[in-house]
């Protein structure tokens, strides 16, 4: 093939993806939901990385317990359960779990999600916090994954990420009560066999972390 023809062929191949874009298959609903999470849920404590961990841990614990979950329900709930912690979805004086459960259908409907499963997604979102009582298997395992994410090193990292780096509230001392409350309240609310097996190590790690922090900050006075 002549050099000019080679050049023309290469240019045609390079242009092919853009030209063929209109004929590409639509994005899978999961891709759209996670992209929505990435765009709208930007926070080190309850952003995309938290959703990634919740989804993975819930699946792993269910597998350990030999419990079958509807993965469509779990995925949607894991990536949208905290959406009402962010503007423009948050509502003052209302629990973010309830707000998210009420609006999640509007988010899922355009994505191609199988909407017959919406009620179970809503239940899993509404019941994901440790102080709620799960009513469906997907809710139970998301609930425990979310609870465990408040403990251990990641639990400490998430709460400390709430401290304002510019000295506004909450500052370092102001977030300490949240850590202590999680250590006090969360462990008893881990309900699944697999979750209960994981909980003691994560509880003890957070307790030791707080103990060490206290020893290095004169009982938190110089935090």
N, C-alpha and C. Protein backbone atom coordinates (compact mmCIF):
# COMPACT_ATOMS: atom_id res chain seq x y z
N UNK A 1 0.85 -1.19 0.00
CA UNK A 1 0.00 0.00 0.00
C UNK A 1 0.89 1.24 0.00
N UNK A 2 0.52 2.25 -0.81
CA UNK A 2 1.30 3.46 -0.90
C UNK A 2 1.22 4.25 0.41
N UNK A 3 2.27 5.06 0.71
CA UNK A 3 2.27 5.84 1.96
C UNK A 3 1.04 6.71 2.12
N UNK A 4 0.56 7.33 1.03
CA UNK A 4 -0.61 8.20 1.13
C UNK A 4 -1.83 7.40 1.52
N UNK A 5 -1.97 6.21 0.90
CA UNK A 5 -3.11 5.36 1.25
C UNK A 5 -3.05 4.89 2.69
N UNK A 6 -1.82 4.58 3.16
CA UNK A 6 -1.65 4.19 4.56
C UNK A 6 -2.08 5.31 5.49
N UNK A 7 -1.68 6.52 5.14
CA UNK A 7 -2.04 7.67 5.97
C UNK A 7 -3.54 7.87 6.01
N UNK A 8 -4.19 7.76 4.85
CA UNK A 8 -5.64 7.93 4.80
C UNK A 8 -6.35 6.85 5.60
N UNK A 9 -5.85 5.62 5.51
CA UNK A 9 -6.46 4.52 6.26
C UNK A 9 -6.31 4.74 7.76
N UNK A 10 -5.13 5.21 8.17
CA UNK A 10 -4.90 5.46 9.60
C UNK A 10 -5.81 6.56 10.11
N UNK A 11 -5.97 7.62 9.30
CA UNK A 11 -6.85 8.71 9.71
C UNK A 11 -8.29 8.24 9.83
N UNK A 12 -8.70 7.38 8.91
CA UNK A 12 -10.07 6.87 8.95
C UNK A 12 -10.30 6.03 10.19
N UNK A 13 -9.32 5.20 10.54
CA UNK A 13 -9.44 4.37 11.73
C UNK A 13 -9.47 5.22 12.99
N UNK A 14 -8.65 6.27 13.01
CA UNK A 14 -8.61 7.14 14.18
C UNK A 14 -9.93 7.85 14.39
N UNK A 15 -10.61 8.16 13.29
CA UNK A 15 -11.87 8.88 13.38
C UNK A 15 -13.05 7.97 13.67
N UNK A 16 -12.85 6.66 13.55
CA UNK A 16 -13.97 5.73 13.65
C UNK A 16 -14.72 5.78 14.97
N UNK A 17 -14.06 5.80 16.13
CA UNK A 17 -14.81 5.81 17.38
C UNK A 17 -15.76 6.99 17.51
N UNK A 18 -15.29 8.17 17.11
CA UNK A 18 -16.16 9.34 17.20
C UNK A 18 -17.32 9.23 16.22
N UNK A 19 -17.04 8.73 15.03
CA UNK A 19 -18.10 8.62 14.03
C UNK A 19 -19.13 7.58 14.44
N UNK A 20 -18.65 6.53 15.11
CA UNK A 20 -19.55 5.44 15.47
C UNK A 20 -20.24 5.65 16.80
N UNK A 21 -19.93 6.76 17.47
CA UNK A 21 -20.44 6.98 18.82
C UNK A 21 -21.96 6.94 18.86
N UNK A 22 -22.58 7.53 17.87
CA UNK A 22 -24.05 7.59 17.87
C UNK A 22 -24.67 6.21 17.78
N UNK A 23 -23.92 5.25 17.25
CA UNK A 23 -24.45 3.90 17.10
C UNK A 23 -24.04 2.99 18.25
N UNK A 24 -23.32 3.53 19.26
CA UNK A 24 -22.89 2.71 20.38
C UNK A 24 -24.09 2.31 21.23
N UNK A 25 -24.02 1.14 21.87
CA UNK A 25 -25.13 0.74 22.74
C UNK A 25 -25.24 1.68 23.93
N UNK A 26 -26.42 1.83 24.50
CA UNK A 26 -26.60 2.72 25.64
C UNK A 26 -25.80 2.22 26.84
N UNK A 27 -25.42 3.14 27.71
CA UNK A 27 -24.69 2.77 28.90
C UNK A 27 -25.55 1.89 29.80
N UNK A 28 -24.94 0.90 30.41
CA UNK A 28 -25.62 0.07 31.39
C UNK A 28 -26.10 0.95 32.55
N UNK A 29 -27.24 0.61 33.15
CA UNK A 29 -27.79 1.45 34.21
C UNK A 29 -26.83 1.57 35.38
N UNK A 30 -26.05 0.53 35.64
CA UNK A 30 -25.09 0.60 36.75
C UNK A 30 -24.02 1.65 36.48
N UNK A 31 -23.56 1.71 35.25
CA UNK A 31 -22.58 2.73 34.89
C UNK A 31 -23.15 4.12 35.11
N UNK A 32 -24.41 4.31 34.75
CA UNK A 32 -25.05 5.61 34.93
C UNK A 32 -25.22 5.95 36.40
N UNK A 33 -25.60 4.96 37.20
CA UNK A 33 -25.81 5.21 38.63
C UNK A 33 -24.49 5.55 39.32
N UNK A 34 -23.44 4.82 39.00
CA UNK A 34 -22.16 5.13 39.64
C UNK A 34 -21.63 6.48 39.15
N UNK A 35 -21.86 6.80 37.88
CA UNK A 35 -21.46 8.11 37.37
C UNK A 35 -22.22 9.22 38.09
N UNK A 36 -23.50 8.99 38.37
CA UNK A 36 -24.29 9.95 39.14
C UNK A 36 -23.68 10.13 40.52
N UNK A 37 -23.30 9.03 41.15
CA UNK A 37 -22.69 9.10 42.47
C UNK A 37 -21.39 9.91 42.42
N UNK A 38 -20.56 9.63 41.44
CA UNK A 38 -19.28 10.35 41.32
C UNK A 38 -19.51 11.84 41.15
N UNK A 39 -20.53 12.20 40.37
CA UNK A 39 -20.80 13.62 40.10
C UNK A 39 -21.42 14.33 41.30
N UNK A 40 -22.33 13.68 41.99
CA UNK A 40 -23.14 14.37 42.99
C UNK A 40 -22.75 14.08 44.44
N UNK A 41 -21.97 13.05 44.68
CA UNK A 41 -21.65 12.64 46.06
C UNK A 41 -20.16 12.79 46.31
N UNK A 42 -19.70 14.02 46.37
CA UNK A 42 -18.27 14.29 46.54
C UNK A 42 -18.00 14.62 48.01
N UNK A 43 -17.50 13.65 48.75
CA UNK A 43 -17.16 13.87 50.15
C UNK A 43 -16.28 12.71 50.62
N UNK A 44 -15.22 13.00 51.39
CA UNK A 44 -14.34 11.92 51.83
C UNK A 44 -14.99 10.97 52.82
N UNK A 45 -16.07 11.39 53.49
CA UNK A 45 -16.70 10.53 54.50
C UNK A 45 -17.82 9.68 53.91
N UNK A 46 -18.60 10.24 52.98
CA UNK A 46 -19.72 9.46 52.43
C UNK A 46 -19.89 9.70 50.93
N UNK A 47 -18.76 9.70 50.25
CA UNK A 47 -18.78 9.83 48.80
C UNK A 47 -18.66 8.47 48.11
N UNK A 48 -18.10 8.47 46.92
CA UNK A 48 -18.06 7.26 46.10
C UNK A 48 -17.24 6.15 46.74
N UNK A 49 -16.13 6.50 47.38
CA UNK A 49 -15.31 5.45 48.00
C UNK A 49 -16.08 4.73 49.10
N UNK A 50 -16.90 5.47 49.85
CA UNK A 50 -17.74 4.85 50.88
C UNK A 50 -18.76 3.91 50.24
N UNK A 51 -19.37 4.32 49.16
CA UNK A 51 -20.33 3.46 48.46
C UNK A 51 -19.65 2.21 47.91
N UNK A 52 -18.44 2.39 47.36
CA UNK A 52 -17.68 1.23 46.87
C UNK A 52 -17.46 0.22 48.00
N UNK A 53 -17.05 0.73 49.16
CA UNK A 53 -16.78 -0.18 50.29
C UNK A 53 -18.06 -0.85 50.77
N UNK A 54 -19.14 -0.09 50.89
CA UNK A 54 -20.40 -0.67 51.35
C UNK A 54 -20.88 -1.78 50.42
N UNK A 55 -20.82 -1.53 49.13
CA UNK A 55 -21.28 -2.52 48.16
C UNK A 55 -20.44 -3.79 48.25
N UNK A 56 -19.12 -3.62 48.25
CA UNK A 56 -18.22 -4.78 48.28
C UNK A 56 -18.37 -5.57 49.58
N UNK A 57 -18.44 -4.87 50.70
CA UNK A 57 -18.52 -5.57 51.98
C UNK A 57 -19.87 -6.26 52.16
N UNK A 58 -20.94 -5.61 51.74
CA UNK A 58 -22.26 -6.25 51.84
C UNK A 58 -22.29 -7.55 51.03
N UNK A 59 -21.75 -7.52 49.82
CA UNK A 59 -21.69 -8.73 48.99
C UNK A 59 -20.85 -9.81 49.66
N UNK A 60 -19.71 -9.41 50.19
CA UNK A 60 -18.80 -10.39 50.80
C UNK A 60 -19.43 -11.03 52.03
N UNK A 61 -20.09 -10.23 52.86
CA UNK A 61 -20.71 -10.78 54.07
C UNK A 61 -21.86 -11.71 53.72
N UNK A 62 -22.66 -11.34 52.74
CA UNK A 62 -23.76 -12.21 52.32
C UNK A 62 -23.23 -13.53 51.79
N UNK A 63 -22.14 -13.47 51.03
CA UNK A 63 -21.53 -14.71 50.52
C UNK A 63 -21.02 -15.58 51.66
N UNK A 64 -20.41 -14.95 52.65
CA UNK A 64 -19.93 -15.69 53.82
C UNK A 64 -21.08 -16.38 54.54
N UNK A 65 -22.20 -15.67 54.65
CA UNK A 65 -23.37 -16.22 55.34
C UNK A 65 -24.24 -17.10 54.44
N UNK A 66 -23.81 -17.24 53.17
CA UNK A 66 -24.57 -18.03 52.19
C UNK A 66 -26.00 -17.51 52.02
N UNK A 67 -26.10 -16.19 51.97
CA UNK A 67 -27.38 -15.52 51.76
C UNK A 67 -27.38 -14.94 50.35
N UNK A 68 -28.43 -15.22 49.60
CA UNK A 68 -28.55 -14.70 48.23
C UNK A 68 -29.21 -13.33 48.26
N UNK A 69 -28.55 -12.36 47.66
CA UNK A 69 -29.09 -11.01 47.55
C UNK A 69 -29.43 -10.71 46.10
N UNK A 70 -30.38 -9.80 45.91
CA UNK A 70 -30.65 -9.26 44.58
C UNK A 70 -29.60 -8.19 44.33
N UNK A 71 -28.65 -8.48 43.45
CA UNK A 71 -27.52 -7.57 43.27
C UNK A 71 -27.94 -6.25 42.64
N UNK A 72 -29.00 -6.24 41.85
CA UNK A 72 -29.50 -4.97 41.32
C UNK A 72 -29.94 -4.06 42.46
N UNK A 73 -30.67 -4.62 43.39
CA UNK A 73 -31.16 -3.85 44.54
C UNK A 73 -29.99 -3.35 45.38
N UNK A 74 -29.06 -4.24 45.67
CA UNK A 74 -27.92 -3.87 46.51
C UNK A 74 -27.08 -2.78 45.85
N UNK A 75 -26.80 -2.93 44.56
CA UNK A 75 -25.97 -1.94 43.86
C UNK A 75 -26.63 -0.57 43.89
N UNK A 76 -27.89 -0.51 43.50
CA UNK A 76 -28.59 0.78 43.46
C UNK A 76 -28.62 1.42 44.84
N UNK A 77 -28.92 0.64 45.87
CA UNK A 77 -28.99 1.19 47.22
C UNK A 77 -27.62 1.62 47.72
N UNK A 78 -26.60 0.85 47.43
CA UNK A 78 -25.26 1.18 47.91
C UNK A 78 -24.76 2.50 47.33
N UNK A 79 -25.09 2.77 46.08
CA UNK A 79 -24.57 3.98 45.44
C UNK A 79 -25.49 5.19 45.57
N UNK A 80 -26.69 5.00 46.10
CA UNK A 80 -27.61 6.13 46.22
C UNK A 80 -28.10 6.36 47.65
N UNK A 81 -27.62 5.57 48.61
CA UNK A 81 -28.19 5.67 49.96
C UNK A 81 -27.87 6.98 50.66
N UNK A 82 -26.78 7.64 50.28
CA UNK A 82 -26.40 8.89 50.95
C UNK A 82 -26.64 10.12 50.09
N UNK A 83 -27.37 9.97 49.00
CA UNK A 83 -27.51 11.09 48.06
C UNK A 83 -28.14 12.31 48.73
N UNK A 84 -29.01 12.10 49.72
CA UNK A 84 -29.68 13.23 50.36
C UNK A 84 -28.81 13.90 51.42
N UNK A 85 -27.55 13.48 51.52
CA UNK A 85 -26.59 14.22 52.34
C UNK A 85 -25.95 15.35 51.54
N UNK A 86 -26.34 15.48 50.27
CA UNK A 86 -25.73 16.46 49.37
C UNK A 86 -26.79 17.38 48.77
N UNK A 87 -26.38 18.62 48.51
CA UNK A 87 -27.25 19.53 47.78
C UNK A 87 -27.35 19.04 46.34
N UNK A 88 -28.46 19.21 45.67
CA UNK A 88 -29.69 19.89 46.10
C UNK A 88 -30.71 18.95 46.73
N UNK A 89 -30.27 17.77 47.14
CA UNK A 89 -31.22 16.75 47.59
C UNK A 89 -31.48 16.78 49.09
N UNK A 90 -30.56 17.32 49.87
CA UNK A 90 -30.72 17.32 51.32
C UNK A 90 -31.89 18.21 51.73
N UNK A 91 -32.53 17.81 52.84
CA UNK A 91 -33.63 18.59 53.40
C UNK A 91 -33.41 18.75 54.89
N UNK A 92 -33.41 19.99 55.34
CA UNK A 92 -33.15 20.28 56.75
C UNK A 92 -34.17 19.58 57.63
N UNK A 93 -33.67 19.06 58.76
CA UNK A 93 -34.51 18.45 59.81
C UNK A 93 -35.13 17.12 59.39
N UNK A 94 -34.74 16.57 58.25
CA UNK A 94 -35.24 15.26 57.84
C UNK A 94 -34.06 14.30 57.73
N UNK A 95 -34.27 13.05 58.13
CA UNK A 95 -33.22 12.04 58.04
C UNK A 95 -32.88 11.80 56.57
N UNK A 96 -31.60 11.85 56.26
CA UNK A 96 -31.18 11.70 54.87
C UNK A 96 -31.61 10.36 54.29
N UNK A 97 -31.75 9.35 55.14
CA UNK A 97 -32.18 8.03 54.66
C UNK A 97 -33.59 8.08 54.08
N UNK A 98 -34.48 8.78 54.79
CA UNK A 98 -35.86 8.88 54.33
C UNK A 98 -35.97 9.72 53.07
N UNK A 99 -35.23 10.82 53.05
CA UNK A 99 -35.27 11.70 51.87
C UNK A 99 -34.75 10.96 50.64
N UNK A 100 -33.64 10.25 50.80
CA UNK A 100 -33.07 9.51 49.68
C UNK A 100 -34.02 8.41 49.20
N UNK A 101 -34.65 7.71 50.13
CA UNK A 101 -35.58 6.64 49.74
C UNK A 101 -36.75 7.20 48.94
N UNK A 102 -37.21 8.39 49.31
CA UNK A 102 -38.36 8.98 48.63
C UNK A 102 -38.02 9.49 47.23
N UNK A 103 -36.78 9.90 47.00
CA UNK A 103 -36.45 10.49 45.70
C UNK A 103 -35.68 9.55 44.77
N UNK A 104 -35.28 8.38 45.28
CA UNK A 104 -34.41 7.53 44.48
C UNK A 104 -35.07 7.05 43.19
N UNK A 105 -36.38 6.92 43.18
CA UNK A 105 -37.06 6.51 41.96
C UNK A 105 -36.85 7.49 40.83
N UNK A 106 -36.82 8.79 41.14
CA UNK A 106 -36.60 9.81 40.12
C UNK A 106 -35.21 9.69 39.51
N UNK A 107 -34.25 9.27 40.32
CA UNK A 107 -32.88 9.11 39.83
C UNK A 107 -32.74 7.85 39.00
N UNK A 108 -33.37 6.78 39.44
CA UNK A 108 -33.20 5.49 38.77
C UNK A 108 -34.00 5.35 37.48
N UNK A 109 -35.17 5.96 37.43
CA UNK A 109 -36.08 5.75 36.29
C UNK A 109 -35.42 6.01 34.93
N UNK A 110 -34.66 7.10 34.75
CA UNK A 110 -34.08 7.36 33.43
C UNK A 110 -32.88 6.47 33.08
N UNK A 111 -32.40 5.69 34.04
CA UNK A 111 -31.16 4.93 33.80
C UNK A 111 -31.39 3.57 33.15
N UNK A 112 -32.63 3.10 33.14
CA UNK A 112 -32.90 1.75 32.67
C UNK A 112 -32.94 0.72 33.78
N UNK A 113 -32.90 1.19 35.02
CA UNK A 113 -33.01 0.27 36.16
C UNK A 113 -34.34 -0.46 36.11
N UNK A 114 -34.38 -1.76 36.46
CA UNK A 114 -35.66 -2.50 36.49
C UNK A 114 -36.54 -2.00 37.63
N UNK A 115 -37.46 -1.10 37.32
CA UNK A 115 -38.19 -0.35 38.34
C UNK A 115 -39.12 -1.21 39.19
N UNK A 116 -39.40 -2.44 38.78
CA UNK A 116 -40.19 -3.34 39.64
C UNK A 116 -39.46 -3.62 40.95
N UNK A 117 -38.15 -3.40 40.96
CA UNK A 117 -37.35 -3.65 42.16
C UNK A 117 -37.21 -2.42 43.05
N UNK A 118 -37.82 -1.32 42.65
CA UNK A 118 -37.67 -0.06 43.39
C UNK A 118 -38.06 -0.17 44.86
N UNK A 119 -39.18 -0.82 45.23
CA UNK A 119 -39.54 -0.87 46.65
C UNK A 119 -38.45 -1.47 47.54
N UNK A 120 -37.74 -2.48 47.05
CA UNK A 120 -36.67 -3.06 47.85
C UNK A 120 -35.47 -2.13 47.94
N UNK A 121 -35.21 -1.37 46.88
CA UNK A 121 -34.15 -0.37 46.94
C UNK A 121 -34.51 0.69 47.98
N UNK A 122 -35.75 1.14 47.95
CA UNK A 122 -36.19 2.15 48.92
C UNK A 122 -36.06 1.64 50.35
N UNK A 123 -36.43 0.38 50.57
CA UNK A 123 -36.30 -0.20 51.91
C UNK A 123 -34.84 -0.24 52.34
N UNK A 124 -33.97 -0.67 51.45
CA UNK A 124 -32.55 -0.77 51.79
C UNK A 124 -31.96 0.59 52.11
N UNK A 125 -32.36 1.61 51.37
CA UNK A 125 -31.87 2.96 51.63
C UNK A 125 -32.44 3.49 52.94
N UNK A 126 -33.73 3.33 53.13
CA UNK A 126 -34.38 3.86 54.33
C UNK A 126 -33.83 3.22 55.61
N UNK A 127 -33.38 1.99 55.50
CA UNK A 127 -32.98 1.23 56.68
C UNK A 127 -31.46 1.03 56.80
N UNK A 128 -30.68 1.80 56.04
CA UNK A 128 -29.25 1.50 56.01
C UNK A 128 -28.50 1.96 57.25
N UNK A 129 -28.99 2.95 57.97
CA UNK A 129 -28.27 3.44 59.14
C UNK A 129 -28.34 2.44 60.29
N UNK A 130 -27.31 2.44 61.11
CA UNK A 130 -27.21 1.42 62.17
C UNK A 130 -28.37 1.47 63.15
N UNK A 131 -28.99 2.64 63.31
CA UNK A 131 -30.10 2.76 64.27
C UNK A 131 -31.45 2.36 63.68
N UNK A 132 -31.46 1.94 62.41
CA UNK A 132 -32.69 1.47 61.77
C UNK A 132 -32.74 -0.06 61.82
N UNK A 133 -33.94 -0.61 61.63
CA UNK A 133 -34.14 -2.06 61.65
C UNK A 133 -34.39 -2.57 60.23
N UNK A 134 -33.50 -3.38 59.68
CA UNK A 134 -33.65 -3.87 58.30
C UNK A 134 -34.82 -4.84 58.17
N UNK A 135 -35.48 -4.79 57.01
CA UNK A 135 -36.65 -5.66 56.77
C UNK A 135 -36.48 -6.58 55.57
N UNK A 136 -35.46 -6.37 54.75
CA UNK A 136 -35.20 -7.25 53.60
C UNK A 136 -33.72 -7.60 53.61
N UNK A 137 -33.33 -8.71 52.98
CA UNK A 137 -31.92 -9.14 53.03
C UNK A 137 -30.95 -8.07 52.52
N UNK A 138 -31.29 -7.40 51.43
CA UNK A 138 -30.40 -6.37 50.89
C UNK A 138 -30.23 -5.23 51.89
N UNK A 139 -31.31 -4.90 52.57
CA UNK A 139 -31.25 -3.88 53.61
C UNK A 139 -30.35 -4.32 54.76
N UNK A 140 -30.47 -5.56 55.17
CA UNK A 140 -29.70 -6.09 56.29
C UNK A 140 -28.20 -6.01 56.03
N UNK A 141 -27.78 -6.44 54.85
CA UNK A 141 -26.34 -6.49 54.57
C UNK A 141 -25.78 -5.11 54.25
N UNK A 142 -26.56 -4.24 53.63
CA UNK A 142 -26.10 -2.86 53.45
C UNK A 142 -26.02 -2.18 54.80
N UNK A 143 -26.99 -2.39 55.66
CA UNK A 143 -27.02 -1.85 57.02
C UNK A 143 -25.74 -2.22 57.77
N UNK A 144 -25.35 -3.50 57.73
CA UNK A 144 -24.17 -3.92 58.46
C UNK A 144 -22.88 -3.40 57.83
N UNK A 145 -22.82 -3.39 56.51
CA UNK A 145 -21.64 -2.84 55.84
C UNK A 145 -21.47 -1.37 56.19
N UNK A 146 -22.57 -0.64 56.20
CA UNK A 146 -22.51 0.78 56.52
C UNK A 146 -22.11 0.99 57.98
N UNK A 147 -22.64 0.15 58.87
CA UNK A 147 -22.28 0.26 60.28
C UNK A 147 -20.79 0.00 60.49
N UNK A 148 -20.28 -1.05 59.88
CA UNK A 148 -18.87 -1.39 60.04
C UNK A 148 -17.95 -0.32 59.48
N UNK A 149 -18.44 0.46 58.53
CA UNK A 149 -17.62 1.53 57.95
C UNK A 149 -17.48 2.71 58.91
N UNK A 150 -18.22 2.69 60.02
CA UNK A 150 -18.04 3.69 61.07
C UNK A 150 -17.00 3.26 62.10
N UNK A 151 -16.52 2.03 62.02
CA UNK A 151 -15.57 1.50 62.98
C UNK A 151 -14.21 1.31 62.32
N UNK A 152 -13.22 0.89 63.11
CA UNK A 152 -11.90 0.63 62.57
C UNK A 152 -11.18 1.90 62.13
N UNK A 153 -10.09 1.71 61.41
CA UNK A 153 -9.31 2.85 60.94
C UNK A 153 -10.11 3.70 59.97
N UNK A 154 -10.92 3.05 59.13
CA UNK A 154 -11.71 3.82 58.17
C UNK A 154 -12.76 4.66 58.88
N UNK A 155 -13.31 4.15 59.97
CA UNK A 155 -14.27 4.93 60.74
C UNK A 155 -13.64 6.18 61.31
N UNK A 156 -12.42 6.05 61.83
CA UNK A 156 -11.70 7.21 62.34
C UNK A 156 -11.39 8.20 61.22
N UNK A 157 -10.94 7.68 60.08
CA UNK A 157 -10.59 8.54 58.96
C UNK A 157 -11.80 9.31 58.45
N UNK A 158 -12.95 8.64 58.38
CA UNK A 158 -14.16 9.30 57.87
C UNK A 158 -14.58 10.45 58.78
N UNK A 159 -14.59 10.19 60.08
CA UNK A 159 -15.03 11.24 61.00
C UNK A 159 -14.03 12.39 61.04
N UNK A 160 -12.75 12.10 61.06
CA UNK A 160 -11.76 13.17 61.08
C UNK A 160 -11.80 13.98 59.79
N UNK A 161 -12.28 13.38 58.71
CA UNK A 161 -12.41 14.12 57.45
C UNK A 161 -13.47 15.21 57.54
N UNK A 162 -14.34 15.14 58.56
CA UNK A 162 -15.37 16.16 58.73
C UNK A 162 -14.81 17.45 59.32
N UNK A 163 -13.64 17.38 59.96
CA UNK A 163 -13.06 18.56 60.59
C UNK A 163 -12.68 19.59 59.53
N UNK A 164 -13.07 20.83 59.76
CA UNK A 164 -12.79 21.89 58.79
C UNK A 164 -11.31 22.25 58.82
N UNK A 165 -10.61 22.18 57.70
CA UNK A 165 -9.17 22.46 57.70
C UNK A 165 -8.83 23.92 57.94
N UNK A 166 -9.84 24.80 57.84
CA UNK A 166 -9.60 26.24 58.01
C UNK A 166 -10.00 26.75 59.38
N UNK A 167 -10.31 25.83 60.30
CA UNK A 167 -10.61 26.24 61.66
C UNK A 167 -12.06 26.52 61.96
N UNK A 168 -12.93 26.40 60.96
CA UNK A 168 -14.36 26.58 61.21
C UNK A 168 -14.91 25.31 61.87
N UNK A 169 -16.18 25.34 62.20
CA UNK A 169 -16.80 24.17 62.82
C UNK A 169 -17.36 23.21 61.77
N UNK A 170 -17.26 21.90 62.00
CA UNK A 170 -16.63 21.30 63.19
C UNK A 170 -15.11 21.26 63.06
N UNK A 171 -14.41 21.56 64.18
CA UNK A 171 -12.97 21.40 64.19
C UNK A 171 -12.64 20.03 64.78
N UNK A 172 -11.36 19.77 65.01
CA UNK A 172 -10.96 18.46 65.51
C UNK A 172 -11.66 18.05 66.79
N UNK A 173 -11.63 18.90 67.84
CA UNK A 173 -12.32 18.52 69.08
C UNK A 173 -13.82 18.31 68.89
N UNK A 174 -14.43 19.02 67.95
CA UNK A 174 -15.88 18.93 67.77
C UNK A 174 -16.30 17.60 67.17
N UNK A 175 -15.41 16.94 66.43
CA UNK A 175 -15.79 15.66 65.83
C UNK A 175 -15.53 14.48 66.76
N UNK A 176 -14.81 14.72 67.85
CA UNK A 176 -14.52 13.62 68.78
C UNK A 176 -15.77 12.95 69.33
N UNK A 177 -16.81 13.71 69.72
CA UNK A 177 -18.01 13.05 70.22
C UNK A 177 -18.63 12.08 69.21
N UNK A 178 -18.50 12.37 67.91
CA UNK A 178 -19.02 11.46 66.90
C UNK A 178 -18.29 10.12 66.94
N UNK A 179 -16.97 10.18 67.09
CA UNK A 179 -16.19 8.95 67.18
C UNK A 179 -16.58 8.14 68.41
N UNK A 180 -16.74 8.84 69.52
CA UNK A 180 -17.09 8.16 70.77
C UNK A 180 -18.50 7.57 70.69
N UNK A 181 -19.41 8.30 70.06
CA UNK A 181 -20.78 7.78 69.90
C UNK A 181 -20.79 6.55 69.00
N UNK A 182 -20.02 6.59 67.94
CA UNK A 182 -19.96 5.41 67.06
C UNK A 182 -19.40 4.20 67.80
N UNK A 183 -18.36 4.43 68.59
CA UNK A 183 -17.76 3.33 69.35
C UNK A 183 -18.75 2.78 70.37
N UNK A 184 -19.55 3.65 70.93
CA UNK A 184 -20.53 3.23 71.95
C UNK A 184 -21.75 2.56 71.34
N UNK A 185 -22.26 3.10 70.23
CA UNK A 185 -23.58 2.70 69.75
C UNK A 185 -23.58 1.70 68.60
N UNK A 186 -22.58 1.76 67.73
CA UNK A 186 -22.63 0.97 66.51
C UNK A 186 -22.44 -0.53 66.74
N UNK A 187 -21.48 -0.97 67.57
CA UNK A 187 -21.21 -2.41 67.64
C UNK A 187 -22.44 -3.28 67.92
N UNK A 188 -23.30 -2.85 68.82
CA UNK A 188 -24.47 -3.66 69.16
C UNK A 188 -25.49 -3.73 68.03
N UNK A 189 -25.36 -2.86 67.04
CA UNK A 189 -26.31 -2.82 65.95
C UNK A 189 -25.83 -3.55 64.71
N UNK A 190 -24.70 -4.22 64.79
CA UNK A 190 -24.25 -5.10 63.71
C UNK A 190 -24.97 -6.43 63.90
N UNK A 191 -25.73 -6.87 62.90
CA UNK A 191 -26.72 -7.91 63.09
C UNK A 191 -26.42 -9.24 62.41
N UNK A 192 -25.68 -9.25 61.33
CA UNK A 192 -25.47 -10.49 60.57
C UNK A 192 -24.35 -11.32 61.19
N UNK A 193 -24.36 -12.64 60.98
CA UNK A 193 -23.26 -13.46 61.48
C UNK A 193 -21.89 -13.00 60.97
N UNK A 194 -21.80 -12.72 59.68
CA UNK A 194 -20.52 -12.29 59.12
C UNK A 194 -20.11 -10.93 59.69
N UNK A 195 -21.08 -10.04 59.83
CA UNK A 195 -20.79 -8.73 60.39
C UNK A 195 -20.32 -8.82 61.83
N UNK A 196 -20.97 -9.67 62.60
CA UNK A 196 -20.58 -9.85 64.01
C UNK A 196 -19.17 -10.43 64.13
N UNK A 197 -18.79 -11.24 63.17
CA UNK A 197 -17.44 -11.80 63.18
C UNK A 197 -16.38 -10.73 62.90
N UNK A 198 -16.72 -9.76 62.07
CA UNK A 198 -15.79 -8.69 61.72
C UNK A 198 -15.76 -7.57 62.76
N UNK A 199 -16.86 -7.38 63.45
CA UNK A 199 -17.02 -6.21 64.30
C UNK A 199 -15.99 -6.07 65.42
N UNK A 200 -15.67 -7.11 66.21
CA UNK A 200 -14.79 -6.90 67.36
C UNK A 200 -13.43 -6.30 67.00
N UNK A 201 -12.82 -6.77 65.95
CA UNK A 201 -11.51 -6.24 65.55
C UNK A 201 -11.62 -4.77 65.17
N UNK A 202 -12.68 -4.42 64.44
CA UNK A 202 -12.86 -3.02 64.03
C UNK A 202 -13.21 -2.14 65.23
N UNK A 203 -14.02 -2.65 66.13
CA UNK A 203 -14.34 -1.90 67.36
C UNK A 203 -13.09 -1.65 68.19
N UNK A 204 -12.30 -2.70 68.38
CA UNK A 204 -11.11 -2.58 69.22
C UNK A 204 -10.07 -1.67 68.59
N UNK A 205 -9.97 -1.71 67.26
CA UNK A 205 -9.01 -0.83 66.59
C UNK A 205 -9.40 0.63 66.79
N UNK A 206 -10.69 0.95 66.66
CA UNK A 206 -11.13 2.33 66.87
C UNK A 206 -10.91 2.74 68.32
N UNK A 207 -11.19 1.84 69.26
CA UNK A 207 -10.97 2.16 70.67
C UNK A 207 -9.49 2.44 70.94
N UNK A 208 -8.61 1.61 70.37
CA UNK A 208 -7.18 1.81 70.55
C UNK A 208 -6.73 3.10 69.89
N UNK A 209 -7.29 3.41 68.74
CA UNK A 209 -6.94 4.66 68.04
C UNK A 209 -7.29 5.86 68.91
N UNK A 210 -8.47 5.86 69.50
CA UNK A 210 -8.88 6.96 70.37
C UNK A 210 -7.99 7.04 71.60
N UNK A 211 -7.64 5.89 72.15
CA UNK A 211 -6.76 5.86 73.32
C UNK A 211 -5.40 6.46 72.98
N UNK A 212 -4.86 6.09 71.82
CA UNK A 212 -3.57 6.62 71.40
C UNK A 212 -3.65 8.11 71.12
N UNK A 213 -4.72 8.53 70.47
CA UNK A 213 -4.90 9.96 70.20
C UNK A 213 -4.97 10.75 71.49
N UNK A 214 -5.66 10.23 72.48
CA UNK A 214 -5.75 10.92 73.77
C UNK A 214 -4.38 11.05 74.42
N UNK A 215 -3.58 9.98 74.33
CA UNK A 215 -2.25 10.01 74.96
C UNK A 215 -1.31 10.99 74.27
N UNK A 216 -1.55 11.25 72.99
CA UNK A 216 -0.67 12.14 72.23
C UNK A 216 -1.15 13.59 72.22
N UNK A 217 -2.32 13.84 72.81
CA UNK A 217 -2.88 15.20 72.77
C UNK A 217 -3.32 15.67 74.16
N UNK A 218 -2.66 15.14 75.20
CA UNK A 218 -2.99 15.53 76.57
C UNK A 218 -4.48 15.38 76.83
N UNK A 219 -4.96 14.17 76.57
CA UNK A 219 -6.38 13.91 76.79
C UNK A 219 -7.27 14.70 75.85
N UNK A 220 -6.83 14.87 74.62
CA UNK A 220 -7.54 15.59 73.56
C UNK A 220 -7.48 17.12 73.73
N UNK A 221 -6.79 17.61 74.75
CA UNK A 221 -6.77 19.06 75.00
C UNK A 221 -6.02 19.83 73.92
N UNK A 222 -5.02 19.19 73.32
CA UNK A 222 -4.23 19.88 72.30
C UNK A 222 -4.52 19.37 70.89
N UNK A 223 -5.69 18.79 70.72
CA UNK A 223 -6.07 18.31 69.40
C UNK A 223 -6.39 19.49 68.49
